[in-house]
C-alpha atoms as a PDB file:
ATOM      1  CA  MET A   1     -80.628-186.755 127.484  1.00  0.00           C
ATOM      2  CA  SER A   2     -81.278-185.217 124.095  1.00  0.00           C
ATOM      3  CA  LYS A   3     -83.527-182.627 125.380  1.00  0.00           C
ATOM      4  CA  ASP A   4     -80.747-181.353 127.063  1.00  0.00           C
ATOM      5  CA  ILE A   5     -78.304-181.107 124.623  1.00  0.00           C
ATOM      6  CA  GLU A   6     -78.862-177.228 124.676  1.00  0.00           C
ATOM      7  CA  LYS A   7     -76.916-177.207 128.525  1.00  0.00           C
ATOM      8  CA  ILE A   8     -74.061-178.915 127.382  1.00  0.00           C
ATOM      9  CA  ARG A   9     -73.459-177.866 124.273  1.00  0.00           C
ATOM     10  CA  HIS A  10     -70.667-175.751 125.309  1.00  0.00           C
ATOM     11  CA  TRP A  11     -68.882-178.091 127.043  1.00  0.00           C
ATOM     12  CA  ASP A  12     -65.722-179.288 125.505  1.00  0.00           C
ATOM     13  CA  ILE A  13     -64.346-182.929 126.218  1.00  0.00           C
ATOM     14  CA  ARG A  14     -61.056-184.420 125.431  1.00  0.00           C
ATOM     15  CA  LEU A  15     -59.311-187.317 125.429  1.00  0.00           C
ATOM     16  CA  GLY A  16     -56.012-187.192 126.043  1.00  0.00           C
ATOM     17  CA  ASP A  17     -52.892-186.388 128.475  1.00  0.00           C
ATOM     18  CA  TYR A  18     -54.154-183.943 131.113  1.00  0.00           C
ATOM     19  CA  ARG A  19     -50.414-182.273 130.460  1.00  0.00           C
ATOM     20  CA  GLU A  20     -52.022-181.648 127.004  1.00  0.00           C
ATOM     21  CA  VAL A  21     -54.879-179.088 128.008  1.00  0.00           C
ATOM     22  CA  GLU A  22     -54.424-175.427 127.350  1.00  0.00           C
ATOM     23  CA  ASN A  23     -54.645-173.973 130.685  1.00  0.00           C
ATOM     24  CA  MET A  24     -57.764-171.221 129.807  1.00  0.00           C
ATOM     25  CA  GLU A  25     -60.364-170.022 131.853  1.00  0.00           C
ATOM     26  CA  ALA A  26     -62.773-172.391 133.181  1.00  0.00           C
ATOM     27  CA  THR A  27     -64.590-174.330 135.525  1.00  0.00           C
ATOM     28  CA  TRP A  28     -62.121-177.287 135.779  1.00  0.00           C
ATOM     29  CA  PHE A  29     -63.319-180.857 137.021  1.00  0.00           C
ATOM     30  CA  ILE A  30     -60.653-183.355 138.200  1.00  0.00           C
ATOM     31  CA  ASP A  31     -61.025-186.498 139.164  1.00  0.00           C
ATOM     32  CA  PRO A  32     -58.356-188.545 138.466  1.00  0.00           C
ATOM     33  CA  PRO A  33     -58.020-192.211 139.673  1.00  0.00           C
ATOM     34  CA  TYR A  34     -57.776-192.308 143.679  1.00  0.00           C
ATOM     35  CA  GLN A  35     -54.398-192.931 144.764  1.00  0.00           C
ATOM     36  CA  PHE A  36     -55.342-195.196 146.887  1.00  0.00           C
ATOM     37  CA  GLY A  37     -57.650-197.444 145.489  1.00  0.00           C
ATOM     38  CA  GLY A  38     -57.545-196.325 141.761  1.00  0.00           C
ATOM     39  CA  GLU A  39     -55.050-198.989 141.228  1.00  0.00           C
ATOM     40  CA  HIS A  40     -58.160-201.325 140.705  1.00  0.00           C
ATOM     41  CA  TYR A  41     -59.699-199.592 138.077  1.00  0.00           C
ATOM     42  CA  PRO A  42     -59.132-200.065 134.263  1.00  0.00           C
ATOM     43  CA  MET A  43     -57.109-196.948 133.030  1.00  0.00           C
ATOM     44  CA  SER A  44     -55.329-197.352 136.571  1.00  0.00           C
ATOM     45  CA  ASN A  45     -53.405-194.902 138.821  1.00  0.00           C
ATOM     46  CA  LYS A  46     -49.999-196.760 138.096  1.00  0.00           C
ATOM     47  CA  ASP A  47     -48.360-194.485 136.108  1.00  0.00           C
ATOM     48  CA  ILE A  48     -49.744-190.445 137.480  1.00  0.00           C
ATOM     49  CA  ASP A  49     -47.395-188.653 139.267  1.00  0.00           C
ATOM     50  CA  PHE A  50     -49.625-187.369 142.398  1.00  0.00           C
ATOM     51  CA  GLU A  51     -47.314-184.119 142.844  1.00  0.00           C
ATOM     52  CA  ILE A  52     -47.207-183.181 139.453  1.00  0.00           C
ATOM     53  CA  LEU A  53     -50.782-183.641 139.059  1.00  0.00           C
ATOM     54  CA  GLY A  54     -51.315-181.527 142.481  1.00  0.00           C
ATOM     55  CA  GLU A  55     -49.473-178.700 140.871  1.00  0.00           C
ATOM     56  CA  TRP A  56     -51.154-178.856 137.307  1.00  0.00           C
ATOM     57  CA  CYS A  57     -54.136-178.704 139.321  1.00  0.00           C
ATOM     58  CA  LYS A  58     -53.749-175.498 141.508  1.00  0.00           C
ATOM     59  CA  SER A  59     -52.020-173.823 138.229  1.00  0.00           C
ATOM     60  CA  ARG A  60     -55.516-173.960 136.240  1.00  0.00           C
ATOM     61  CA  LYS A  61     -57.017-170.807 135.622  1.00  0.00           C
ATOM     62  CA  GLY A  62     -60.677-170.118 136.766  1.00  0.00           C
ATOM     63  CA  GLU A  63     -62.554-172.605 139.245  1.00  0.00           C
ATOM     64  CA  VAL A  64     -60.967-175.852 140.469  1.00  0.00           C
ATOM     65  CA  ILE A  65     -62.649-178.936 142.166  1.00  0.00           C
ATOM     66  CA  VAL A  66     -60.294-182.072 142.356  1.00  0.00           C
ATOM     67  CA  CYS A  67     -62.214-185.179 143.585  1.00  0.00           C
ATOM     68  CA  GLU A  68     -60.360-187.457 145.945  1.00  0.00           C
ATOM     69  CA  ASN A  69     -60.293-189.440 149.493  1.00  0.00           C
ATOM     70  CA  THR A  70     -59.038-188.523 152.641  1.00  0.00           C
ATOM     71  CA  LYS A  71     -56.284-191.237 152.657  1.00  0.00           C
ATOM     72  CA  THR A  72     -54.321-188.990 150.554  1.00  0.00           C
ATOM     73  CA  GLY A  73     -52.312-186.139 151.065  1.00  0.00           C
ATOM     74  CA  TRP A  74     -51.176-184.600 147.397  1.00  0.00           C
ATOM     75  CA  MET A  75     -53.093-181.584 147.827  1.00  0.00           C
ATOM     76  CA  ASN A  76     -55.399-179.957 150.690  1.00  0.00           C
ATOM     77  CA  PHE A  77     -58.753-181.648 150.757  1.00  0.00           C
ATOM     78  CA  GLU A  78     -61.347-181.526 152.393  1.00  0.00           C
ATOM     79  CA  PRO A  79     -63.686-184.329 153.755  1.00  0.00           C
ATOM     80  CA  ILE A  80     -67.165-183.802 152.100  1.00  0.00           C
ATOM     81  CA  ALA A  81     -68.922-187.115 152.710  1.00  0.00           C
ATOM     82  CA  ASN A  82     -68.572-190.613 154.521  1.00  0.00           C
ATOM     83  CA  LEU A  83     -69.328-193.375 152.077  1.00  0.00           C
ATOM     84  CA  LYS A  84     -69.552-197.151 152.180  1.00  0.00           C
ATOM     85  CA  GLY A  85     -69.054-199.558 149.442  1.00  0.00           C
ATOM     86  CA  SER A  86     -69.789-202.947 149.607  1.00  0.00           C
ATOM     87  CA  LYS A  87     -66.135-204.026 150.878  1.00  0.00           C
ATOM     88  CA  HIS A  88     -65.175-200.802 152.137  1.00  0.00           C
ATOM     89  CA  LYS A  89     -65.789-196.966 154.046  1.00  0.00           C
ATOM     90  CA  THR A  90     -64.149-194.050 152.358  1.00  0.00           C
ATOM     91  CA  VAL A  91     -64.265-190.637 153.001  1.00  0.00           C
ATOM     92  CA  GLU A  92     -64.851-188.229 149.686  1.00  0.00           C
ATOM     93  CA  ALA A  93     -63.287-185.067 149.593  1.00  0.00           C
ATOM     94  CA  VAL A  94     -62.755-182.487 147.099  1.00  0.00           C
ATOM     95  CA  TYR A  95     -60.107-179.665 146.859  1.00  0.00           C
ATOM     96  CA  LEU A  96     -61.745-176.340 145.662  1.00  0.00           C
ATOM     97  CA  ASN A  97     -59.788-173.043 144.538  1.00  0.00           C
ATOM     98  CA  GLY A  98     -61.622-169.928 143.122  1.00  0.00           C
ATOM     99  CA  PHE A  99     -64.611-171.029 144.818  1.00  0.00           C
ATOM    100  CA  GLU A 100     -66.051-167.809 147.651  1.00  0.00           C
ATOM    101  CA  LYS A 101     -66.285-169.553 150.952  1.00  0.00           C
ATOM    102  CA  THR A 102     -69.619-168.227 150.645  1.00  0.00           C
ATOM    103  CA  LYS A 103     -73.643-170.000 149.261  1.00  0.00           C
ATOM    104  CA  GLU A 104     -71.569-171.442 146.073  1.00  0.00           C
ATOM    105  CA  ARG A 105     -69.172-173.545 148.293  1.00  0.00           C
ATOM    106  CA  GLY A 106     -71.595-174.747 150.866  1.00  0.00           C
ATOM    107  CA  LEU A 107     -72.372-176.862 147.648  1.00  0.00           C
ATOM    108  CA  PHE A 108     -69.885-178.551 148.321  1.00  0.00           C
END
């Protein structure tokens, strides 16, 4: 990783409440504990108001990428991949805003 540090030196990584982050022009990658299944994570979804999170995501300036699965409805997610875990199958999904529906969007 040290040989690639120049590629990410400009990144700004913060630990804290998402609502405290300034809304600036950026590429926002948002991957919260999922609404269905995220209750099993050490930092679970039990204190997340997904409706408020969805509005916050939509209000971001710039490109927005939000990850979830298709079991939820707090944003307009598009399915991107079928996955099989050790216990369950799931369909991973993404919400994209600020991306042209062309080559860029084809990456997802």
